[in-house]
């Protein structure tokens, strides 16, 4: 997978209106000192939350936590500089590949993005005038949407490409085989939902 090509392909499905622009980046950079003051609390709180969850803590050793904290620190520093350029977006796509390698679920990543947004909301509303805090939060929500989209799509595309290469099947054959299995899963899901609905109606 070529990172730049993959990034460009994913961006075709992301509305331009939600992509942070130069003006957004400038406002983030304007408050760089404030973001720096949040850095240690954000990173420590982030991984304390991950380690405090019984379903997630076994995925990371203390050594891995140290390395991931450092990687997150680098990401945070570049992000709060407002460096939303091609390299930055390619990096978010690369994160999706890394998450496949380390079996980090998209659900965990999206959940922790929610945790970060709550952290920012709590602190920005405390430290800034409400109008400016809301403006910055809107930019961070745009960033959350784009970064999450790039990482999740990259995760899916990486797995799909790895399966294709490992199986030796061409795209058409693999697509047909996958389509058959998806149809089975759709039927199974519909049946389960219908049965669940009927059970609820009987109880009511």
N, C-alpha and C. Protein backbone atom coordinates (compact mmCIF):
# COMPACT_ATOMS: atom_id res chain seq x y z
N UNK A 1 0.83 -1.20 0.00
CA UNK A 1 0.00 0.00 0.00
C UNK A 1 0.87 1.25 0.00
N UNK A 2 0.59 2.13 -0.94
CA UNK A 2 1.27 3.42 -0.98
C UNK A 2 0.50 4.39 -0.10
N UNK A 3 1.18 4.97 0.90
CA UNK A 3 0.48 5.81 1.88
C UNK A 3 -0.22 7.00 1.23
N UNK A 4 0.49 7.71 0.36
CA UNK A 4 -0.09 8.91 -0.26
C UNK A 4 -1.31 8.55 -1.11
N UNK A 5 -1.21 7.46 -1.88
CA UNK A 5 -2.33 7.04 -2.71
C UNK A 5 -3.51 6.59 -1.86
N UNK A 6 -3.22 5.87 -0.78
CA UNK A 6 -4.28 5.42 0.11
C UNK A 6 -4.97 6.61 0.78
N UNK A 7 -4.17 7.57 1.22
CA UNK A 7 -4.72 8.77 1.85
C UNK A 7 -5.63 9.51 0.87
N UNK A 8 -5.17 9.68 -0.35
CA UNK A 8 -5.96 10.37 -1.37
C UNK A 8 -7.27 9.64 -1.64
N UNK A 9 -7.21 8.32 -1.69
CA UNK A 9 -8.40 7.51 -1.95
C UNK A 9 -9.42 7.68 -0.83
N UNK A 10 -8.95 7.66 0.42
CA UNK A 10 -9.87 7.80 1.56
C UNK A 10 -10.48 9.20 1.59
N UNK A 11 -9.67 10.22 1.26
CA UNK A 11 -10.16 11.59 1.29
C UNK A 11 -11.29 11.82 0.29
N UNK A 12 -11.40 10.98 -0.73
CA UNK A 12 -12.49 11.12 -1.69
C UNK A 12 -13.85 10.92 -1.02
N UNK A 13 -13.86 10.22 0.10
CA UNK A 13 -15.12 9.93 0.80
C UNK A 13 -15.35 10.83 2.01
N UNK A 14 -14.43 11.77 2.26
CA UNK A 14 -14.55 12.67 3.41
C UNK A 14 -15.00 14.04 2.93
N UNK A 15 -16.14 14.55 3.40
CA UNK A 15 -16.59 15.88 2.98
C UNK A 15 -15.53 16.95 3.29
N UNK A 16 -15.23 17.78 2.30
CA UNK A 16 -14.19 18.79 2.47
C UNK A 16 -14.49 19.74 3.63
N UNK A 17 -15.77 19.97 3.89
CA UNK A 17 -16.18 20.92 4.93
C UNK A 17 -15.72 20.50 6.32
N UNK A 18 -15.46 19.21 6.52
CA UNK A 18 -15.04 18.77 7.86
C UNK A 18 -13.52 18.59 7.98
N UNK A 19 -12.79 18.93 6.93
CA UNK A 19 -11.32 18.83 6.97
C UNK A 19 -10.76 20.13 7.54
N UNK A 20 -9.97 20.08 8.63
CA UNK A 20 -9.41 21.31 9.17
C UNK A 20 -8.60 22.08 8.12
N UNK A 21 -8.85 23.39 8.04
CA UNK A 21 -8.15 24.22 7.05
C UNK A 21 -7.06 25.06 7.71
N UNK A 22 -6.45 25.95 6.94
CA UNK A 22 -5.34 26.76 7.46
C UNK A 22 -5.80 27.67 8.60
N UNK A 23 -7.00 28.19 8.50
CA UNK A 23 -7.53 29.05 9.56
C UNK A 23 -7.72 28.25 10.86
N UNK A 24 -8.22 27.03 10.72
CA UNK A 24 -8.38 26.15 11.89
C UNK A 24 -7.03 25.86 12.53
N UNK A 25 -6.05 25.55 11.68
CA UNK A 25 -4.71 25.24 12.18
C UNK A 25 -4.11 26.43 12.92
N UNK A 26 -4.36 27.62 12.40
CA UNK A 26 -3.81 28.84 13.04
C UNK A 26 -4.41 29.05 14.42
N UNK A 27 -5.71 28.75 14.58
CA UNK A 27 -6.35 28.93 15.88
C UNK A 27 -5.83 27.90 16.89
N UNK A 28 -5.61 26.68 16.42
CA UNK A 28 -5.01 25.67 17.30
C UNK A 28 -3.62 26.13 17.75
N UNK A 29 -2.83 26.62 16.80
CA UNK A 29 -1.46 27.06 17.11
C UNK A 29 -1.47 28.26 18.05
N UNK A 30 -2.45 29.13 17.91
CA UNK A 30 -2.56 30.31 18.77
C UNK A 30 -2.61 29.92 20.24
N UNK A 31 -3.21 28.77 20.51
CA UNK A 31 -3.36 28.32 21.90
C UNK A 31 -2.37 27.20 22.25
N UNK A 32 -1.25 27.20 21.56
CA UNK A 32 -0.24 26.15 21.75
C UNK A 32 0.18 26.01 23.22
N UNK A 33 0.43 27.13 23.87
CA UNK A 33 0.87 27.08 25.28
C UNK A 33 -0.16 26.39 26.16
N UNK A 34 -1.42 26.67 25.90
CA UNK A 34 -2.47 26.03 26.68
C UNK A 34 -2.49 24.53 26.42
N UNK A 35 -2.36 24.14 25.16
CA UNK A 35 -2.32 22.72 24.84
C UNK A 35 -1.10 22.03 25.46
N UNK A 36 0.03 22.73 25.48
CA UNK A 36 1.22 22.17 26.12
C UNK A 36 0.95 21.89 27.60
N UNK A 37 0.20 22.79 28.23
CA UNK A 37 -0.09 22.61 29.66
C UNK A 37 -0.98 21.39 29.92
N UNK A 38 -1.69 20.93 28.89
CA UNK A 38 -2.55 19.75 29.03
C UNK A 38 -1.82 18.44 28.76
N UNK A 39 -0.66 18.52 28.14
CA UNK A 39 -0.02 17.33 27.54
C UNK A 39 0.15 16.17 28.51
N UNK A 40 0.80 16.39 29.63
CA UNK A 40 1.09 15.28 30.55
C UNK A 40 -0.19 14.66 31.10
N UNK A 41 -1.15 15.51 31.49
CA UNK A 41 -2.40 15.01 32.05
C UNK A 41 -3.18 14.20 31.01
N UNK A 42 -3.18 14.67 29.77
CA UNK A 42 -3.90 13.97 28.71
C UNK A 42 -3.30 12.59 28.47
N UNK A 43 -1.98 12.52 28.32
CA UNK A 43 -1.34 11.25 27.98
C UNK A 43 -1.42 10.27 29.14
N UNK A 44 -1.17 10.76 30.36
CA UNK A 44 -1.27 9.88 31.53
C UNK A 44 -2.70 9.39 31.71
N UNK A 45 -3.66 10.29 31.59
CA UNK A 45 -5.06 9.92 31.75
C UNK A 45 -5.52 8.94 30.68
N UNK A 46 -5.04 9.16 29.46
CA UNK A 46 -5.39 8.28 28.34
C UNK A 46 -4.97 6.85 28.65
N UNK A 47 -3.71 6.65 29.01
CA UNK A 47 -3.24 5.28 29.22
C UNK A 47 -3.65 4.70 30.57
N UNK A 48 -3.93 5.56 31.55
CA UNK A 48 -4.51 5.06 32.79
C UNK A 48 -5.90 4.48 32.52
N UNK A 49 -6.63 5.15 31.62
CA UNK A 49 -7.97 4.67 31.25
C UNK A 49 -7.87 3.33 30.54
N UNK A 50 -6.93 3.22 29.58
CA UNK A 50 -6.74 1.96 28.85
C UNK A 50 -6.32 0.85 29.80
N UNK A 51 -5.34 1.14 30.68
CA UNK A 51 -4.85 0.12 31.60
C UNK A 51 -5.86 -0.23 32.68
N UNK A 52 -6.79 0.69 32.95
CA UNK A 52 -7.79 0.44 33.98
C UNK A 52 -8.95 -0.42 33.51
N UNK A 53 -8.98 -0.71 32.20
CA UNK A 53 -10.07 -1.51 31.64
C UNK A 53 -9.64 -2.97 31.54
N UNK A 54 -10.41 -3.86 32.14
CA UNK A 54 -10.05 -5.28 32.15
C UNK A 54 -9.96 -5.87 30.75
N UNK A 55 -10.73 -5.33 29.80
CA UNK A 55 -10.71 -5.86 28.44
C UNK A 55 -9.51 -5.39 27.63
N UNK A 56 -8.85 -4.31 28.09
CA UNK A 56 -7.78 -3.72 27.30
C UNK A 56 -6.41 -3.83 27.94
N UNK A 57 -6.34 -3.91 29.26
CA UNK A 57 -5.05 -3.78 29.93
C UNK A 57 -4.08 -4.90 29.56
N UNK A 58 -4.60 -6.09 29.28
CA UNK A 58 -3.72 -7.21 28.96
C UNK A 58 -3.08 -7.08 27.58
N UNK A 59 -3.54 -6.12 26.79
CA UNK A 59 -2.99 -5.94 25.45
C UNK A 59 -1.65 -5.22 25.49
N UNK A 60 -1.32 -4.56 26.59
CA UNK A 60 -0.11 -3.75 26.66
C UNK A 60 0.76 -4.13 27.85
N UNK A 61 2.05 -4.31 27.60
CA UNK A 61 3.02 -4.49 28.67
C UNK A 61 3.47 -3.10 29.11
N UNK A 62 4.10 -2.97 30.29
CA UNK A 62 4.62 -1.67 30.72
C UNK A 62 5.60 -1.06 29.70
N UNK A 63 6.39 -1.91 29.05
CA UNK A 63 7.34 -1.41 28.05
C UNK A 63 6.59 -0.86 26.84
N UNK A 64 5.54 -1.56 26.43
CA UNK A 64 4.73 -1.07 25.31
C UNK A 64 4.03 0.23 25.67
N UNK A 65 3.59 0.33 26.92
CA UNK A 65 2.95 1.59 27.33
C UNK A 65 3.92 2.75 27.18
N UNK A 66 5.15 2.55 27.63
CA UNK A 66 6.15 3.62 27.52
C UNK A 66 6.34 4.06 26.07
N UNK A 67 6.48 3.09 25.18
CA UNK A 67 6.70 3.40 23.77
C UNK A 67 5.48 4.10 23.18
N UNK A 68 4.30 3.64 23.53
CA UNK A 68 3.09 4.22 22.96
C UNK A 68 2.82 5.60 23.53
N UNK A 69 3.19 5.81 24.79
CA UNK A 69 3.06 7.15 25.36
C UNK A 69 3.96 8.13 24.60
N UNK A 70 5.17 7.69 24.26
CA UNK A 70 6.09 8.55 23.53
C UNK A 70 5.57 8.85 22.13
N UNK A 71 5.02 7.82 21.47
CA UNK A 71 4.45 8.03 20.14
C UNK A 71 3.27 9.00 20.21
N UNK A 72 2.43 8.83 21.23
CA UNK A 72 1.28 9.73 21.38
C UNK A 72 1.74 11.15 21.67
N UNK A 73 2.80 11.27 22.45
CA UNK A 73 3.33 12.60 22.76
C UNK A 73 3.79 13.30 21.48
N UNK A 74 4.46 12.56 20.61
CA UNK A 74 4.90 13.14 19.33
C UNK A 74 3.69 13.56 18.50
N UNK A 75 2.69 12.68 18.45
CA UNK A 75 1.47 13.00 17.70
C UNK A 75 0.80 14.24 18.26
N UNK A 76 0.71 14.33 19.57
CA UNK A 76 0.04 15.45 20.21
C UNK A 76 0.77 16.76 19.93
N UNK A 77 2.09 16.73 20.00
CA UNK A 77 2.87 17.95 19.77
C UNK A 77 2.74 18.44 18.34
N UNK A 78 2.77 17.52 17.39
CA UNK A 78 2.61 17.92 15.98
C UNK A 78 1.19 18.41 15.74
N UNK A 79 0.21 17.72 16.32
CA UNK A 79 -1.19 18.12 16.15
C UNK A 79 -1.45 19.51 16.69
N UNK A 80 -0.93 19.81 17.88
CA UNK A 80 -1.19 21.11 18.49
C UNK A 80 -0.33 22.22 17.89
N UNK A 81 0.57 21.86 16.98
CA UNK A 81 1.26 22.87 16.16
C UNK A 81 0.43 23.23 14.93
N UNK A 82 -0.64 22.47 14.70
CA UNK A 82 -1.49 22.73 13.55
C UNK A 82 -0.87 22.32 12.24
N UNK A 83 -0.01 21.30 12.28
CA UNK A 83 0.67 20.84 11.06
C UNK A 83 -0.19 19.83 10.30
N UNK A 84 -1.31 20.28 9.75
CA UNK A 84 -2.22 19.37 9.06
C UNK A 84 -1.87 19.34 7.57
N UNK A 85 -0.71 18.76 7.27
CA UNK A 85 -0.24 18.68 5.89
C UNK A 85 -0.32 17.25 5.38
N UNK A 86 0.18 17.00 4.18
CA UNK A 86 0.12 15.66 3.60
C UNK A 86 0.82 14.63 4.47
N UNK A 87 1.97 15.00 5.04
CA UNK A 87 2.70 14.07 5.91
C UNK A 87 1.85 13.69 7.11
N UNK A 88 1.17 14.66 7.68
CA UNK A 88 0.34 14.41 8.87
C UNK A 88 -0.78 13.43 8.53
N UNK A 89 -1.49 13.68 7.40
CA UNK A 89 -2.59 12.78 7.04
C UNK A 89 -2.07 11.38 6.69
N UNK A 90 -0.91 11.30 6.02
CA UNK A 90 -0.32 9.99 5.72
C UNK A 90 0.00 9.24 7.01
N UNK A 91 0.43 9.96 8.01
CA UNK A 91 0.77 9.36 9.30
C UNK A 91 -0.48 8.70 9.91
N UNK A 92 -1.63 9.37 9.80
CA UNK A 92 -2.86 8.81 10.37
C UNK A 92 -3.27 7.53 9.64
N UNK A 93 -2.99 7.49 8.33
CA UNK A 93 -3.24 6.27 7.56
C UNK A 93 -2.28 5.16 8.02
N UNK A 94 -1.05 5.52 8.26
CA UNK A 94 -0.06 4.54 8.74
C UNK A 94 -0.48 3.96 10.09
N UNK A 95 -1.11 4.78 10.93
CA UNK A 95 -1.58 4.30 12.23
C UNK A 95 -2.55 3.13 12.06
N UNK A 96 -3.39 3.21 11.01
CA UNK A 96 -4.31 2.10 10.75
C UNK A 96 -3.59 0.81 10.48
N UNK A 97 -2.47 0.88 9.75
CA UNK A 97 -1.66 -0.31 9.47
C UNK A 97 -1.05 -0.85 10.75
N UNK A 98 -0.53 0.06 11.59
CA UNK A 98 0.05 -0.33 12.87
C UNK A 98 -0.99 -1.00 13.76
N UNK A 99 -2.21 -0.48 13.74
CA UNK A 99 -3.27 -1.06 14.57
C UNK A 99 -3.62 -2.48 14.14
N UNK A 100 -3.54 -2.75 12.84
CA UNK A 100 -3.75 -4.12 12.38
C UNK A 100 -2.65 -5.02 12.93
N UNK A 101 -1.42 -4.57 12.83
CA UNK A 101 -0.26 -5.35 13.30
C UNK A 101 -0.39 -5.69 14.78
N UNK A 102 -0.82 -4.71 15.58
CA UNK A 102 -0.87 -4.90 17.03
C UNK A 102 -2.27 -5.26 17.53
N UNK A 103 -3.18 -5.54 16.59
CA UNK A 103 -4.53 -5.99 16.94
C UNK A 103 -5.23 -5.00 17.88
N UNK A 104 -5.16 -3.72 17.53
CA UNK A 104 -5.84 -2.68 18.30
C UNK A 104 -7.19 -2.42 17.64
N UNK A 105 -8.29 -2.76 18.29
CA UNK A 105 -9.61 -2.66 17.65
C UNK A 105 -9.98 -1.21 17.33
N UNK A 106 -10.71 -1.02 16.23
CA UNK A 106 -11.22 0.31 15.91
C UNK A 106 -12.12 0.83 17.02
N UNK A 107 -12.86 -0.06 17.65
CA UNK A 107 -13.77 0.35 18.73
C UNK A 107 -12.99 1.00 19.87
N UNK A 108 -11.83 0.43 20.20
CA UNK A 108 -11.00 0.99 21.27
C UNK A 108 -10.47 2.36 20.87
N UNK A 109 -10.01 2.48 19.62
CA UNK A 109 -9.47 3.75 19.14
C UNK A 109 -10.55 4.84 19.14
N UNK A 110 -11.74 4.51 18.63
CA UNK A 110 -12.82 5.49 18.58
C UNK A 110 -13.29 5.86 19.99
N UNK A 111 -13.34 4.87 20.86
CA UNK A 111 -13.73 5.14 22.25
C UNK A 111 -12.77 6.08 22.93
N UNK A 112 -11.47 5.91 22.70
CA UNK A 112 -10.49 6.76 23.34
C UNK A 112 -10.45 8.15 22.71
N UNK A 113 -10.83 8.27 21.44
CA UNK A 113 -11.01 9.60 20.85
C UNK A 113 -12.13 10.33 21.60
N UNK A 114 -13.18 9.61 21.94
CA UNK A 114 -14.26 10.20 22.72
C UNK A 114 -13.76 10.66 24.08
N UNK A 115 -12.89 9.85 24.70
CA UNK A 115 -12.32 10.24 25.99
C UNK A 115 -11.50 11.52 25.85
N UNK A 116 -10.71 11.63 24.78
CA UNK A 116 -9.90 12.84 24.58
C UNK A 116 -10.79 14.07 24.37
N UNK A 117 -11.87 13.91 23.61
CA UNK A 117 -12.75 15.05 23.38
C UNK A 117 -13.40 15.51 24.68
N UNK A 118 -13.75 14.58 25.55
CA UNK A 118 -14.30 14.95 26.86
C UNK A 118 -13.26 15.69 27.69
N UNK A 119 -12.01 15.24 27.61
CA UNK A 119 -10.91 15.90 28.31
C UNK A 119 -10.77 17.35 27.82
N UNK A 120 -10.73 17.52 26.50
CA UNK A 120 -10.59 18.87 25.94
C UNK A 120 -11.78 19.75 26.30
N UNK A 121 -12.95 19.21 26.22
CA UNK A 121 -14.15 20.00 26.53
C UNK A 121 -14.11 20.50 27.96
N UNK A 122 -13.80 19.61 28.87
CA UNK A 122 -13.76 19.97 30.29
C UNK A 122 -12.73 21.07 30.57
N UNK A 123 -11.56 20.93 29.95
CA UNK A 123 -10.48 21.88 30.23
C UNK A 123 -10.60 23.19 29.47
N UNK A 124 -10.99 23.12 28.20
CA UNK A 124 -11.10 24.35 27.42
C UNK A 124 -12.22 25.24 27.93
N UNK A 125 -13.34 24.66 28.32
CA UNK A 125 -14.44 25.46 28.87
C UNK A 125 -14.06 26.08 30.20
N UNK A 126 -13.13 25.48 30.90
CA UNK A 126 -12.65 26.02 32.18
C UNK A 126 -11.65 27.15 31.97
N UNK A 127 -10.80 27.02 30.92
CA UNK A 127 -9.66 27.93 30.77
C UNK A 127 -9.87 29.07 29.77
N UNK A 128 -10.92 29.01 28.95
CA UNK A 128 -11.15 30.03 27.93
C UNK A 128 -12.58 30.58 28.02
N UNK A 129 -12.78 31.72 27.36
CA UNK A 129 -14.14 32.22 27.21
C UNK A 129 -14.94 31.18 26.45
N UNK A 130 -16.20 31.06 26.77
CA UNK A 130 -17.00 29.97 26.21
C UNK A 130 -17.07 30.01 24.69
N UNK A 131 -17.13 31.23 24.10
CA UNK A 131 -17.21 31.32 22.63
C UNK A 131 -15.96 30.75 21.97
N UNK A 132 -14.79 31.12 22.52
CA UNK A 132 -13.55 30.64 21.91
C UNK A 132 -13.35 29.16 22.18
N UNK A 133 -13.74 28.71 23.37
CA UNK A 133 -13.63 27.29 23.70
C UNK A 133 -14.46 26.46 22.73
N UNK A 134 -15.68 26.92 22.45
CA UNK A 134 -16.56 26.19 21.54
C UNK A 134 -15.98 26.18 20.13
N UNK A 135 -15.36 27.30 19.71
CA UNK A 135 -14.75 27.37 18.38
C UNK A 135 -13.61 26.36 18.25
N UNK A 136 -12.78 26.26 19.28
CA UNK A 136 -11.66 25.31 19.24
C UNK A 136 -12.18 23.88 19.29
N UNK A 137 -13.19 23.63 20.10
CA UNK A 137 -13.77 22.29 20.18
C UNK A 137 -14.35 21.86 18.84
N UNK A 138 -14.92 22.80 18.10
CA UNK A 138 -15.45 22.48 16.77
C UNK A 138 -14.34 22.04 15.83
N UNK A 139 -13.18 22.69 15.94
CA UNK A 139 -12.03 22.30 15.13
C UNK A 139 -11.54 20.92 15.53
N UNK A 140 -11.47 20.67 16.83
CA UNK A 140 -11.02 19.37 17.32
C UNK A 140 -11.98 18.26 16.89
N UNK A 141 -13.28 18.58 16.82
CA UNK A 141 -14.25 17.59 16.36
C UNK A 141 -14.05 17.27 14.88
N UNK A 142 -13.71 18.29 14.09
CA UNK A 142 -13.38 18.06 12.69
C UNK A 142 -12.15 17.16 12.59
N UNK A 143 -11.16 17.47 13.41
CA UNK A 143 -9.93 16.67 13.40
C UNK A 143 -10.23 15.23 13.80
N UNK A 144 -11.05 15.07 14.83
CA UNK A 144 -11.44 13.73 15.27
C UNK A 144 -12.09 12.95 14.13
N UNK A 145 -12.99 13.60 13.41
CA UNK A 145 -13.70 12.93 12.32
C UNK A 145 -12.75 12.50 11.22
N UNK A 146 -11.83 13.38 10.83
CA UNK A 146 -10.92 13.06 9.72
C UNK A 146 -9.90 12.02 10.13
N UNK A 147 -9.27 12.20 11.28
CA UNK A 147 -8.25 11.24 11.73
C UNK A 147 -8.88 9.86 11.93
N UNK A 148 -10.05 9.81 12.54
CA UNK A 148 -10.72 8.53 12.75
C UNK A 148 -11.05 7.87 11.42
N UNK A 149 -11.53 8.66 10.46
CA UNK A 149 -11.87 8.12 9.14
C UNK A 149 -10.65 7.53 8.46
N UNK A 150 -9.54 8.27 8.50
CA UNK A 150 -8.31 7.80 7.85
C UNK A 150 -7.81 6.51 8.50
N UNK A 151 -7.82 6.48 9.82
CA UNK A 151 -7.27 5.32 10.53
C UNK A 151 -8.16 4.09 10.37
N UNK A 152 -9.47 4.27 10.49
CA UNK A 152 -10.40 3.13 10.36
C UNK A 152 -10.38 2.57 8.94
N UNK A 153 -10.45 3.46 7.94
CA UNK A 153 -10.43 2.99 6.55
C UNK A 153 -9.11 2.31 6.22
N UNK A 154 -8.02 2.86 6.72
CA UNK A 154 -6.70 2.25 6.51
C UNK A 154 -6.66 0.86 7.13
N UNK A 155 -7.21 0.72 8.33
CA UNK A 155 -7.28 -0.57 9.02
C UNK A 155 -8.00 -1.59 8.15
N UNK A 156 -9.16 -1.20 7.63
CA UNK A 156 -9.97 -2.11 6.81
C UNK A 156 -9.24 -2.46 5.51
N UNK A 157 -8.69 -1.44 4.85
CA UNK A 157 -8.00 -1.65 3.58
C UNK A 157 -6.75 -2.52 3.75
N UNK A 158 -6.06 -2.33 4.87
CA UNK A 158 -4.85 -3.12 5.14
C UNK A 158 -5.19 -4.59 5.30
N UNK A 159 -6.22 -4.88 6.08
CA UNK A 159 -6.63 -6.27 6.27
C UNK A 159 -7.08 -6.90 4.96
N UNK A 160 -7.85 -6.14 4.20
CA UNK A 160 -8.34 -6.65 2.92
C UNK A 160 -7.18 -6.95 1.98
N UNK A 161 -6.21 -6.04 1.90
CA UNK A 161 -5.06 -6.23 1.02
C UNK A 161 -4.20 -7.40 1.48
N UNK A 162 -4.03 -7.53 2.80
CA UNK A 162 -3.23 -8.64 3.34
C UNK A 162 -3.88 -9.98 3.02
N UNK A 163 -5.22 -10.05 3.14
CA UNK A 163 -5.94 -11.29 2.82
C UNK A 163 -5.80 -11.62 1.34
N UNK A 164 -5.91 -10.59 0.50
CA UNK A 164 -5.79 -10.81 -0.95
C UNK A 164 -4.41 -11.35 -1.30
N UNK A 165 -3.37 -10.75 -0.73
CA UNK A 165 -2.01 -11.17 -1.03
C UNK A 165 -1.72 -12.57 -0.48
N UNK A 166 -2.21 -12.84 0.73
CA UNK A 166 -1.95 -14.14 1.35
C UNK A 166 -2.71 -15.26 0.65
N UNK A 167 -3.91 -14.96 0.16
CA UNK A 167 -4.73 -15.99 -0.48
C UNK A 167 -4.31 -16.26 -1.92
N UNK A 168 -3.71 -15.26 -2.55
CA UNK A 168 -3.32 -15.40 -3.95
C UNK A 168 -4.48 -15.28 -4.93
N UNK A 169 -5.66 -14.91 -4.40
CA UNK A 169 -6.85 -14.76 -5.26
C UNK A 169 -6.88 -13.37 -5.87
N UNK A 170 -7.41 -13.28 -7.09
CA UNK A 170 -7.53 -11.94 -7.67
C UNK A 170 -8.74 -11.22 -7.06
N UNK A 171 -8.84 -9.93 -7.31
CA UNK A 171 -9.87 -9.11 -6.67
C UNK A 171 -11.28 -9.59 -7.00
N UNK A 172 -11.53 -10.00 -8.23
CA UNK A 172 -12.88 -10.43 -8.62
C UNK A 172 -13.33 -11.68 -7.88
N UNK A 173 -12.45 -12.68 -7.83
CA UNK A 173 -12.80 -13.93 -7.14
C UNK A 173 -12.96 -13.68 -5.65
N UNK A 174 -12.01 -12.96 -5.07
CA UNK A 174 -12.08 -12.68 -3.64
C UNK A 174 -13.33 -11.87 -3.32
N UNK A 175 -13.66 -10.91 -4.19
CA UNK A 175 -14.85 -10.10 -3.98
C UNK A 175 -16.12 -10.93 -3.98
N UNK A 176 -16.19 -11.90 -4.91
CA UNK A 176 -17.37 -12.77 -4.97
C UNK A 176 -17.48 -13.64 -3.72
N UNK A 177 -16.36 -14.21 -3.29
CA UNK A 177 -16.36 -15.06 -2.10
C UNK A 177 -16.77 -14.27 -0.86
N UNK A 178 -16.20 -13.08 -0.73
CA UNK A 178 -16.55 -12.22 0.41
C UNK A 178 -18.02 -11.81 0.34
N UNK A 179 -18.50 -11.52 -0.87
CA UNK A 179 -19.90 -11.14 -1.03
C UNK A 179 -20.86 -12.22 -0.58
N UNK A 180 -20.53 -13.47 -0.88
CA UNK A 180 -21.36 -14.60 -0.45
C UNK A 180 -21.43 -14.65 1.08
N UNK A 181 -20.29 -14.49 1.73
CA UNK A 181 -20.25 -14.55 3.20
C UNK A 181 -20.99 -13.36 3.82
N UNK A 182 -20.88 -12.19 3.20
CA UNK A 182 -21.59 -11.02 3.71
C UNK A 182 -23.10 -11.22 3.61
N UNK A 183 -23.55 -11.81 2.51
CA UNK A 183 -24.98 -12.09 2.36
C UNK A 183 -25.47 -13.03 3.47
N UNK A 184 -24.64 -14.02 3.82
CA UNK A 184 -25.00 -14.94 4.90
C UNK A 184 -25.11 -14.19 6.23
N UNK A 185 -24.14 -13.29 6.46
CA UNK A 185 -24.14 -12.53 7.72
C UNK A 185 -25.33 -11.57 7.78
N UNK A 186 -25.69 -10.99 6.64
CA UNK A 186 -26.87 -10.12 6.59
C UNK A 186 -28.13 -10.89 6.95
N UNK A 187 -28.27 -12.08 6.38
CA UNK A 187 -29.45 -12.92 6.67
C UNK A 187 -29.49 -13.28 8.14
N UNK A 188 -28.33 -13.66 8.68
CA UNK A 188 -28.25 -14.03 10.09
C UNK A 188 -28.62 -12.84 10.98
N UNK A 189 -28.10 -11.65 10.63
CA UNK A 189 -28.38 -10.45 11.42
C UNK A 189 -29.84 -10.07 11.39
N UNK A 190 -30.44 -10.11 10.19
CA UNK A 190 -31.86 -9.78 10.06
C UNK A 190 -32.72 -10.74 10.90
N UNK A 191 -32.39 -12.04 10.82
CA UNK A 191 -33.15 -13.04 11.58
C UNK A 191 -33.06 -12.77 13.07
N UNK A 192 -31.85 -12.46 13.53
CA UNK A 192 -31.66 -12.19 14.95
C UNK A 192 -32.44 -10.96 15.40
N UNK A 193 -32.42 -9.91 14.58
CA UNK A 193 -33.15 -8.69 14.92
C UNK A 193 -34.66 -8.93 14.94
N UNK A 194 -35.15 -9.69 13.96
CA UNK A 194 -36.58 -9.99 13.91
C UNK A 194 -37.00 -10.81 15.13
N UNK A 195 -36.20 -11.82 15.48
CA UNK A 195 -36.51 -12.65 16.65
C UNK A 195 -36.49 -11.82 17.92
N UNK A 196 -35.51 -10.91 18.01
CA UNK A 196 -35.40 -10.06 19.19
C UNK A 196 -36.59 -9.14 19.30
N UNK A 197 -37.02 -8.59 18.15
CA UNK A 197 -38.18 -7.69 18.13
C UNK A 197 -39.44 -8.42 18.55
N UNK A 198 -39.61 -9.63 18.03
CA UNK A 198 -40.80 -10.43 18.38
C UNK A 198 -40.82 -10.77 19.86
N UNK A 199 -39.63 -11.06 20.43
CA UNK A 199 -39.54 -11.38 21.86
C UNK A 199 -39.93 -10.17 22.70
N UNK A 200 -39.47 -8.98 22.30
CA UNK A 200 -39.80 -7.76 23.04
C UNK A 200 -41.28 -7.48 22.98
N UNK A 201 -41.90 -7.71 21.82
CA UNK A 201 -43.34 -7.48 21.68
C UNK A 201 -44.14 -8.45 22.57
N UNK A 202 -43.65 -9.68 22.67
CA UNK A 202 -44.34 -10.67 23.49
C UNK A 202 -44.25 -10.27 24.98
N UNK A 203 -43.09 -9.76 25.39
CA UNK A 203 -42.89 -9.35 26.79
C UNK A 203 -43.77 -8.14 27.11
N UNK A 204 -43.84 -7.20 26.12
CA UNK A 204 -44.63 -5.99 26.33
C UNK A 204 -46.11 -6.33 26.42
